[in-house]
Amino acid sequence: MYTEKRIEEILDTFTKVLSKADNFPRNNDPKDYKQFWIALRKEGANLLGISRYLYGRMAKENIKKEVGKEDYAEDTLDNEGGAIF
């Protein structure tokens, strides 16, 4: 589960890294860009994790609405919140 604080940290870190990468001077050695590539891959993975988590929560809520709360069972969902068919 992602706490609100953790989500804010990931979004803030990704934003900062992306901003630094966007402002990387063109006259610098392209090999120096590697630091941003590594950081963006790490923070991008964290952002993907948040996206999957939120998507799963939305899917879970949609299933609850479709089948009705009385018919809803947690074991009908996988770990990401998606329906198991």
PDB file of N, CA and C in Angstrom:
ATOM      1  N   MET A   1       0.842  -1.180   0.000  1.00  0.00           N
ATOM      2  CA  MET A   1       0.000   0.000   0.000  1.00  0.00           C
ATOM      3  C   MET A   1       0.885   1.241   0.000  1.00  0.00           C
ATOM      4  N   TYR A   2       0.474   2.219  -0.731  1.00  0.00           N
ATOM      5  CA  TYR A   2       1.193   3.482  -0.802  1.00  0.00           C
ATOM      6  C   TYR A   2       0.502   4.505   0.095  1.00  0.00           C
ATOM      7  N   THR A   3       1.263   5.090   0.999  1.00  0.00           N
ATOM      8  CA  THR A   3       0.711   6.155   1.834  1.00  0.00           C
ATOM      9  C   THR A   3       0.731   7.454   1.037  1.00  0.00           C
ATOM     10  N   GLU A   4      -0.033   8.406   1.488  1.00  0.00           N
ATOM     11  CA  GLU A   4      -0.063   9.703   0.812  1.00  0.00           C
ATOM     12  C   GLU A   4       1.335  10.325   0.822  1.00  0.00           C
ATOM     13  N   LYS A   5       2.047  10.190   1.929  1.00  0.00           N
ATOM     14  CA  LYS A   5       3.403  10.739   2.039  1.00  0.00           C
ATOM     15  C   LYS A   5       4.344  10.086   1.021  1.00  0.00           C
ATOM     16  N   ARG A   6       4.266   8.753   0.882  1.00  0.00           N
ATOM     17  CA  ARG A   6       5.137   8.046  -0.058  1.00  0.00           C
ATOM     18  C   ARG A   6       4.823   8.444  -1.497  1.00  0.00           C
ATOM     19  N   ILE A   7       3.556   8.584  -1.821  1.00  0.00           N
ATOM     20  CA  ILE A   7       3.159   9.009  -3.161  1.00  0.00           C
ATOM     21  C   ILE A   7       3.723  10.391  -3.459  1.00  0.00           C
ATOM     22  N   GLU A   8       3.612  11.303  -2.508  1.00  0.00           N
ATOM     23  CA  GLU A   8       4.149  12.651  -2.689  1.00  0.00           C
ATOM     24  C   GLU A   8       5.657  12.621  -2.886  1.00  0.00           C
ATOM     25  N   GLU A   9       6.369  11.775  -2.119  1.00  0.00           N
ATOM     26  CA  GLU A   9       7.827  11.658  -2.256  1.00  0.00           C
ATOM     27  C   GLU A   9       8.211  11.184  -3.655  1.00  0.00           C
ATOM     28  N   ILE A  10       7.538  10.158  -4.132  1.00  0.00           N
ATOM     29  CA  ILE A  10       7.854   9.605  -5.451  1.00  0.00           C
ATOM     30  C   ILE A  10       7.576  10.629  -6.542  1.00  0.00           C
ATOM     31  N   LEU A  11       6.424  11.275  -6.478  1.00  0.00           N
ATOM     32  CA  LEU A  11       6.084  12.278  -7.492  1.00  0.00           C
ATOM     33  C   LEU A  11       7.050  13.457  -7.456  1.00  0.00           C
ATOM     34  N   ASP A  12       7.406  13.900  -6.265  1.00  0.00           N
ATOM     35  CA  ASP A  12       8.324  15.026  -6.122  1.00  0.00           C
ATOM     36  C   ASP A  12       9.716  14.671  -6.645  1.00  0.00           C
ATOM     37  N   THR A  13      10.213  13.501  -6.290  1.00  0.00           N
ATOM     38  CA  THR A  13      11.531  13.077  -6.757  1.00  0.00           C
ATOM     39  C   THR A  13      11.553  12.926  -8.271  1.00  0.00           C
ATOM     40  N   PHE A  14      10.518  12.312  -8.839  1.00  0.00           N
ATOM     41  CA  PHE A  14      10.448  12.145 -10.289  1.00  0.00           C
ATOM     42  C   PHE A  14      10.429  13.506 -10.985  1.00  0.00           C
ATOM     43  N   THR A  15       9.651  14.430 -10.463  1.00  0.00           N
ATOM     44  CA  THR A  15       9.554  15.770 -11.046  1.00  0.00           C
ATOM     45  C   THR A  15      10.907  16.475 -11.034  1.00  0.00           C
ATOM     46  N   LYS A  16      11.621  16.374  -9.917  1.00  0.00           N
ATOM     47  CA  LYS A  16      12.930  17.016  -9.809  1.00  0.00           C
ATOM     48  C   LYS A  16      13.934  16.409 -10.778  1.00  0.00           C
ATOM     49  N   VAL A  17      13.980  15.083 -10.853  1.00  0.00           N
ATOM     50  CA  VAL A  17      14.917  14.417 -11.760  1.00  0.00           C
ATOM     51  C   VAL A  17      14.595  14.769 -13.204  1.00  0.00           C
ATOM     52  N   LEU A  18      13.317  14.746 -13.556  1.00  0.00           N
ATOM     53  CA  LEU A  18      12.911  15.078 -14.921  1.00  0.00           C
ATOM     54  C   LEU A  18      13.276  16.518 -15.269  1.00  0.00           C
ATOM     55  N   SER A  19      13.081  17.426 -14.335  1.00  0.00           N
ATOM     56  CA  SER A  19      13.423  18.830 -14.558  1.00  0.00           C
ATOM     57  C   SER A  19      14.928  18.996 -14.777  1.00  0.00           C
ATOM     58  N   LYS A  20      15.730  18.327 -13.951  1.00  0.00           N
ATOM     59  CA  LYS A  20      17.190  18.405 -14.120  1.00  0.00           C
ATOM     60  C   LYS A  20      17.618  17.819 -15.462  1.00  0.00           C
ATOM     61  N   ALA A  21      17.006  16.718 -15.847  1.00  0.00           N
ATOM     62  CA  ALA A  21      17.341  16.093 -17.131  1.00  0.00           C
ATOM     63  C   ALA A  21      16.953  17.003 -18.299  1.00  0.00           C
ATOM     64  N   ASP A  22      15.791  17.645 -18.191  1.00  0.00           N
ATOM     65  CA  ASP A  22      15.342  18.555 -19.249  1.00  0.00           C
ATOM     66  C   ASP A  22      16.254  19.766 -19.384  1.00  0.00           C
ATOM     67  N   ASN A  23      16.854  20.182 -18.276  1.00  0.00           N
ATOM     68  CA  ASN A  23      17.713  21.366 -18.280  1.00  0.00           C
ATOM     69  C   ASN A  23      19.195  21.024 -18.422  1.00  0.00           C
ATOM     70  N   PHE A  24      19.496  19.805 -18.765  1.00  0.00           N
ATOM     71  CA  PHE A  24      20.876  19.367 -18.950  1.00  0.00           C
ATOM     72  C   PHE A  24      21.494  20.137 -20.115  1.00  0.00           C
ATOM     73  N   PRO A  25      22.610  20.818 -19.878  1.00  0.00           N
ATOM     74  CA  PRO A  25      23.221  21.628 -20.946  1.00  0.00           C
ATOM     75  C   PRO A  25      23.615  20.778 -22.159  1.00  0.00           C
ATOM     76  N   ARG A  26      23.273  21.249 -23.327  1.00  0.00           N
ATOM     77  CA  ARG A  26      23.554  20.511 -24.559  1.00  0.00           C
ATOM     78  C   ARG A  26      25.055  20.406 -24.854  1.00  0.00           C
ATOM     79  N   ASN A  27      25.827  21.330 -24.342  1.00  0.00           N
ATOM     80  CA  ASN A  27      27.250  21.304 -24.634  1.00  0.00           C
ATOM     81  C   ASN A  27      28.035  20.362 -23.721  1.00  0.00           C
ATOM     82  N   ASN A  28      27.380  19.772 -22.740  1.00  0.00           N
ATOM     83  CA  ASN A  28      28.041  18.785 -21.874  1.00  0.00           C
ATOM     84  C   ASN A  28      28.243  17.477 -22.619  1.00  0.00           C
ATOM     85  N   ASP A  29      29.153  16.690 -22.099  1.00  0.00           N
ATOM     86  CA  ASP A  29      29.414  15.362 -22.665  1.00  0.00           C
ATOM     87  C   ASP A  29      28.154  14.507 -22.516  1.00  0.00           C
ATOM     88  N   PRO A  30      27.672  13.907 -23.591  1.00  0.00           N
ATOM     89  CA  PRO A  30      26.466  13.066 -23.513  1.00  0.00           C
ATOM     90  C   PRO A  30      26.584  11.939 -22.477  1.00  0.00           C
ATOM     91  N   LYS A  31      27.804  11.496 -22.193  1.00  0.00           N
ATOM     92  CA  LYS A  31      27.977  10.444 -21.195  1.00  0.00           C
ATOM     93  C   LYS A  31      27.558  10.922 -19.805  1.00  0.00           C
ATOM     94  N   ASP A  32      27.615  12.241 -19.577  1.00  0.00           N
ATOM     95  CA  ASP A  32      27.201  12.797 -18.289  1.00  0.00           C
ATOM     96  C   ASP A  32      25.699  12.659 -18.068  1.00  0.00           C
ATOM     97  N   TYR A  33      24.964  12.419 -19.142  1.00  0.00           N
ATOM     98  CA  TYR A  33      23.500  12.265 -19.051  1.00  0.00           C
ATOM     99  C   TYR A  33      23.116  10.948 -18.384  1.00  0.00           C
ATOM    100  N   LYS A  34      24.082  10.038 -18.283  1.00  0.00           N
ATOM    101  CA  LYS A  34      23.819   8.713 -17.710  1.00  0.00           C
ATOM    102  C   LYS A  34      23.192   8.809 -16.318  1.00  0.00           C
ATOM    103  N   GLN A  35      23.626   9.767 -15.521  1.00  0.00           N
ATOM    104  CA  GLN A  35      23.084   9.928 -14.171  1.00  0.00           C
ATOM    105  C   GLN A  35      21.562  10.140 -14.202  1.00  0.00           C
ATOM    106  N   PHE A  36      21.101  10.862 -15.207  1.00  0.00           N
ATOM    107  CA  PHE A  36      19.663  11.112 -15.312  1.00  0.00           C
ATOM    108  C   PHE A  36      18.922   9.877 -15.811  1.00  0.00           C
ATOM    109  N   TRP A  37      19.532   9.179 -16.733  1.00  0.00           N
ATOM    110  CA  TRP A  37      18.925   7.954 -17.255  1.00  0.00           C
ATOM    111  C   TRP A  37      18.720   6.951 -16.119  1.00  0.00           C
ATOM    112  N   ILE A  38      19.716   6.780 -15.288  1.00  0.00           N
ATOM    113  CA  ILE A  38      19.618   5.849 -14.158  1.00  0.00           C
ATOM    114  C   ILE A  38      18.539   6.321 -13.181  1.00  0.00           C
ATOM    115  N   ALA A  39      18.550   7.603 -12.858  1.00  0.00           N
ATOM    116  CA  ALA A  39      17.558   8.144 -11.916  1.00  0.00           C
ATOM    117  C   ALA A  39      16.144   8.041 -12.476  1.00  0.00           C
ATOM    118  N   LEU A  40      15.980   8.332 -13.763  1.00  0.00           N
ATOM    119  CA  LEU A  40      14.647   8.257 -14.366  1.00  0.00           C
ATOM    120  C   LEU A  40      14.137   6.817 -14.426  1.00  0.00           C
ATOM    121  N   ARG A  41      15.025   5.880 -14.642  1.00  0.00           N
ATOM    122  CA  ARG A  41      14.596   4.483 -14.651  1.00  0.00           C
ATOM    123  C   ARG A  41      14.121   4.069 -13.269  1.00  0.00           C
ATOM    124  N   LYS A  42      14.834   4.477 -12.230  1.00  0.00           N
ATOM    125  CA  LYS A  42      14.438   4.127 -10.864  1.00  0.00           C
ATOM    126  C   LYS A  42      13.113   4.806 -10.498  1.00  0.00           C
ATOM    127  N   GLU A  43      13.065   6.103 -10.682  1.00  0.00           N
ATOM    128  CA  GLU A  43      11.866   6.848 -10.297  1.00  0.00           C
ATOM    129  C   GLU A  43      10.695   6.518 -11.212  1.00  0.00           C
ATOM    130  N   GLY A  44      10.971   6.203 -12.465  1.00  0.00           N
ATOM    131  CA  GLY A  44       9.904   5.777 -13.368  1.00  0.00           C
ATOM    132  C   GLY A  44       9.277   4.476 -12.901  1.00  0.00           C
ATOM    133  N   ALA A  45      10.113   3.574 -12.386  1.00  0.00           N
ATOM    134  CA  ALA A  45       9.593   2.309 -11.854  1.00  0.00           C
ATOM    135  C   ALA A  45       8.707   2.566 -10.636  1.00  0.00           C
ATOM    136  N   ASN A  46       9.115   3.498  -9.784  1.00  0.00           N
ATOM    137  CA  ASN A  46       8.285   3.855  -8.631  1.00  0.00           C
ATOM    138  C   ASN A  46       6.955   4.447  -9.079  1.00  0.00           C
ATOM    139  N   LEU A  47       7.008   5.285 -10.095  1.00  0.00           N
ATOM    140  CA  LEU A  47       5.793   5.903 -10.626  1.00  0.00           C
ATOM    141  C   LEU A  47       4.871   4.852 -11.240  1.00  0.00           C
ATOM    142  N   LEU A  48       5.457   3.882 -11.915  1.00  0.00           N
ATOM    143  CA  LEU A  48       4.669   2.780 -12.467  1.00  0.00           C
ATOM    144  C   LEU A  48       4.000   1.994 -11.346  1.00  0.00           C
ATOM    145  N   GLY A  49       4.714   1.790 -10.250  1.00  0.00           N
ATOM    146  CA  GLY A  49       4.130   1.098  -9.098  1.00  0.00           C
ATOM    147  C   GLY A  49       2.915   1.827  -8.554  1.00  0.00           C
ATOM    148  N   ILE A  50       3.012   3.137  -8.434  1.00  0.00           N
ATOM    149  CA  ILE A  50       1.871   3.938  -7.977  1.00  0.00           C
ATOM    150  C   ILE A  50       0.716   3.804  -8.958  1.00  0.00           C
ATOM    151  N   SER A  51       1.016   3.879 -10.237  1.00  0.00           N
ATOM    152  CA  SER A  51      -0.033   3.781 -11.264  1.00  0.00           C
ATOM    153  C   SER A  51      -0.761   2.450 -11.169  1.00  0.00           C
ATOM    154  N   ARG A  52      -0.007   1.378 -11.024  1.00  0.00           N
ATOM    155  CA  ARG A  52      -0.623   0.053 -10.905  1.00  0.00           C
ATOM    156  C   ARG A  52      -1.471  -0.051  -9.644  1.00  0.00           C
ATOM    157  N   TYR A  53      -0.954   0.484  -8.563  1.00  0.00           N
ATOM    158  CA  TYR A  53      -1.685   0.463  -7.297  1.00  0.00           C
ATOM    159  C   TYR A  53      -3.016   1.210  -7.425  1.00  0.00           C
ATOM    160  N   LEU A  54      -2.962   2.417  -7.978  1.00  0.00           N
ATOM    161  CA  LEU A  54      -4.185   3.208  -8.128  1.00  0.00           C
ATOM    162  C   LEU A  54      -5.151   2.573  -9.119  1.00  0.00           C
ATOM    163  N   TYR A  55      -4.627   2.016 -10.202  1.00  0.00           N
ATOM    164  CA  TYR A  55      -5.471   1.328 -11.173  1.00  0.00           C
ATOM    165  C   TYR A  55      -6.175   0.138 -10.510  1.00  0.00           C
ATOM    166  N   GLY A  56      -5.440  -0.591  -9.710  1.00  0.00           N
ATOM    167  CA  GLY A  56      -6.028  -1.726  -9.001  1.00  0.00           C
ATOM    168  C   GLY A  56      -7.131  -1.301  -8.049  1.00  0.00           C
ATOM    169  N   ARG A  57      -6.923  -0.198  -7.363  1.00  0.00           N
ATOM    170  CA  ARG A  57      -7.954   0.312  -6.444  1.00  0.00           C
ATOM    171  C   ARG A  57      -9.199   0.735  -7.211  1.00  0.00           C
ATOM    172  N   MET A  58      -8.994   1.376  -8.375  1.00  0.00           N
ATOM    173  CA  MET A  58     -10.141   1.776  -9.196  1.00  0.00           C
ATOM    174  C   MET A  58     -10.889   0.544  -9.693  1.00  0.00           C
ATOM    175  N   ALA A  59     -10.155  -0.469 -10.133  1.00  0.00           N
ATOM    176  CA  ALA A  59     -10.782  -1.697 -10.619  1.00  0.00           C
ATOM    177  C   ALA A  59     -11.586  -2.353  -9.502  1.00  0.00           C
ATOM    178  N   LYS A  60     -11.030  -2.371  -8.312  1.00  0.00           N
ATOM    179  CA  LYS A  60     -11.714  -2.970  -7.164  1.00  0.00           C
ATOM    180  C   LYS A  60     -13.023  -2.233  -6.878  1.00  0.00           C
ATOM    181  N   GLU A  61     -12.972  -0.905  -6.926  1.00  0.00           N
ATOM    182  CA  GLU A  61     -14.182  -0.103  -6.694  1.00  0.00           C
ATOM    183  C   GLU A  61     -15.222  -0.341  -7.787  1.00  0.00           C
ATOM    184  N   ASN A  62     -14.778  -0.461  -9.028  1.00  0.00           N
ATOM    185  CA  ASN A  62     -15.707  -0.720 -10.132  1.00  0.00           C
ATOM    186  C   ASN A  62     -16.374  -2.079  -9.981  1.00  0.00           C
ATOM    187  N   ILE A  63     -15.624  -3.078  -9.562  1.00  0.00           N
ATOM    188  CA  ILE A  63     -16.197  -4.411  -9.357  1.00  0.00           C
ATOM    189  C   ILE A  63     -17.229  -4.364  -8.239  1.00  0.00           C
ATOM    190  N   LYS A  64     -16.912  -3.660  -7.168  1.00  0.00           N
ATOM    191  CA  LYS A  64     -17.866  -3.528  -6.058  1.00  0.00           C
ATOM    192  C   LYS A  64     -19.175  -2.914  -6.546  1.00  0.00           C
ATOM    193  N   LYS A  65     -19.064  -1.893  -7.399  1.00  0.00           N
ATOM    194  CA  LYS A  65     -20.255  -1.228  -7.922  1.00  0.00           C
ATOM    195  C   LYS A  65     -21.050  -2.155  -8.843  1.00  0.00           C
ATOM    196  N   GLU A  66     -20.341  -2.926  -9.674  1.00  0.00           N
ATOM    197  CA  GLU A  66     -21.005  -3.795 -10.646  1.00  0.00           C
ATOM    198  C   GLU A  66     -21.721  -4.973  -9.992  1.00  0.00           C
ATOM    199  N   VAL A  67     -21.077  -5.619  -9.051  1.00  0.00           N
ATOM    200  CA  VAL A  67     -21.662  -6.823  -8.467  1.00  0.00           C
ATOM    201  C   VAL A  67     -22.462  -6.536  -7.206  1.00  0.00           C
ATOM    202  N   GLY A  68     -22.329  -5.353  -6.677  1.00  0.00           N
ATOM    203  CA  GLY A  68     -23.030  -5.021  -5.447  1.00  0.00           C
ATOM    204  C   GLY A  68     -22.191  -5.438  -4.253  1.00  0.00           C
ATOM    205  N   LYS A  69     -22.216  -4.639  -3.248  1.00  0.00           N
ATOM    206  CA  LYS A  69     -21.373  -4.892  -2.079  1.00  0.00           C
ATOM    207  C   LYS A  69     -21.685  -6.215  -1.407  1.00  0.00           C
ATOM    208  N   GLU A  70     -22.935  -6.642  -1.426  1.00  0.00           N
ATOM    209  CA  GLU A  70     -23.292  -7.897  -0.753  1.00  0.00           C
ATOM    210  C   GLU A  70     -22.722  -9.115  -1.469  1.00  0.00           C
ATOM    211  N   ASP A  71     -22.485  -9.010  -2.769  1.00  0.00           N
ATOM    212  CA  ASP A  71     -21.942 -10.131  -3.542  1.00  0.00           C
ATOM    213  C   ASP A  71     -20.433 -10.050  -3.721  1.00  0.00           C
ATOM    214  N   TYR A  72     -19.835  -8.977  -3.251  1.00  0.00           N
ATOM    215  CA  TYR A  72     -18.408  -8.743  -3.467  1.00  0.00           C
ATOM    216  C   TYR A  72     -17.579  -9.589  -2.512  1.00  0.00           C
ATOM    217  N   ALA A  73     -16.559 -10.232  -3.029  1.00  0.00           N
ATOM    218  CA  ALA A  73     -15.639 -11.004  -2.195  1.00  0.00           C
ATOM    219  C   ALA A  73     -14.215 -10.623  -2.557  1.00  0.00           C
ATOM    220  N   GLU A  74     -13.382 -10.385  -1.555  1.00  0.00           N
ATOM    221  CA  GLU A  74     -11.983  -9.990  -1.780  1.00  0.00           C
ATOM    222  C   GLU A  74     -11.227 -11.028  -2.597  1.00  0.00           C
ATOM    223  N   ASP A  75     -11.568 -12.310  -2.465  1.00  0.00           N
ATOM    224  CA  ASP A  75     -10.816 -13.354  -3.158  1.00  0.00           C
ATOM    225  C   ASP A  75     -11.112 -13.406  -4.655  1.00  0.00           C
ATOM    226  N   THR A  76     -11.961 -12.510  -5.152  1.00  0.00           N
ATOM    227  CA  THR A  76     -12.214 -12.450  -6.595  1.00  0.00           C
ATOM    228  C   THR A  76     -11.224 -11.512  -7.284  1.00  0.00           C
ATOM    229  N   LEU A  77     -10.306 -10.919  -6.497  1.00  0.00           N
ATOM    230  CA  LEU A  77      -9.346  -9.981  -7.050  1.00  0.00           C
ATOM    231  C   LEU A  77      -7.934 -10.508  -6.892  1.00  0.00           C
ATOM    232  N   ASP A  78      -7.066 -10.168  -7.853  1.00  0.00           N
ATOM    233  CA  ASP A  78      -5.663 -10.521  -7.699  1.00  0.00           C
ATOM    234  C   ASP A  78      -4.979  -9.473  -6.819  1.00  0.00           C
ATOM    235  N   ASN A  79      -3.680  -9.574  -6.657  1.00  0.00           N
ATOM    236  CA  ASN A  79      -2.949  -8.668  -5.777  1.00  0.00           C
ATOM    237  C   ASN A  79      -2.943  -7.211  -6.239  1.00  0.00           C
ATOM    238  N   GLU A  80      -3.162  -6.984  -7.515  1.00  0.00           N
ATOM    239  CA  GLU A  80      -3.190  -5.637  -8.056  1.00  0.00           C
ATOM    240  C   GLU A  80      -4.598  -5.050  -8.022  1.00  0.00           C
ATOM    241  N   GLY A  81      -5.565  -5.821  -7.564  1.00  0.00           N
ATOM    242  CA  GLY A  81      -6.932  -5.339  -7.515  1.00  0.00           C
ATOM    243  C   GLY A  81      -7.726  -5.659  -8.752  1.00  0.00           C
ATOM    244  N   GLY A  82      -7.118  -6.369  -9.718  1.00  0.00           N
ATOM    245  CA  GLY A  82      -7.816  -6.728 -10.930  1.00  0.00           C
ATOM    246  C   GLY A  82      -8.656  -8.001 -10.718  1.00  0.00           C
ATOM    247  N   ALA A  83      -9.683  -8.132 -11.487  1.00  0.00           N
ATOM    248  CA  ALA A  83     -10.570  -9.268 -11.348  1.00  0.00           C
ATOM    249  C   ALA A  83      -9.890 -10.556 -11.823  1.00  0.00           C
ATOM    250  N   ILE A  84     -10.172 -11.626 -11.126  1.00  0.00           N
ATOM    251  CA  ILE A  84      -9.692 -12.951 -11.528  1.00  0.00           C
ATOM    252  C   ILE A  84     -10.853 -13.653 -12.223  1.00  0.00           C
ATOM    253  N   PHE A  85     -10.667 -14.015 -13.483  1.00  0.00           N
ATOM    254  CA  PHE A  85     -11.741 -14.657 -14.241  1.00  0.00           C
ATOM    255  C   PHE A  85     -11.438 -16.103 -14.489  1.00  0.00           C
TER     256      PHE A  85
END
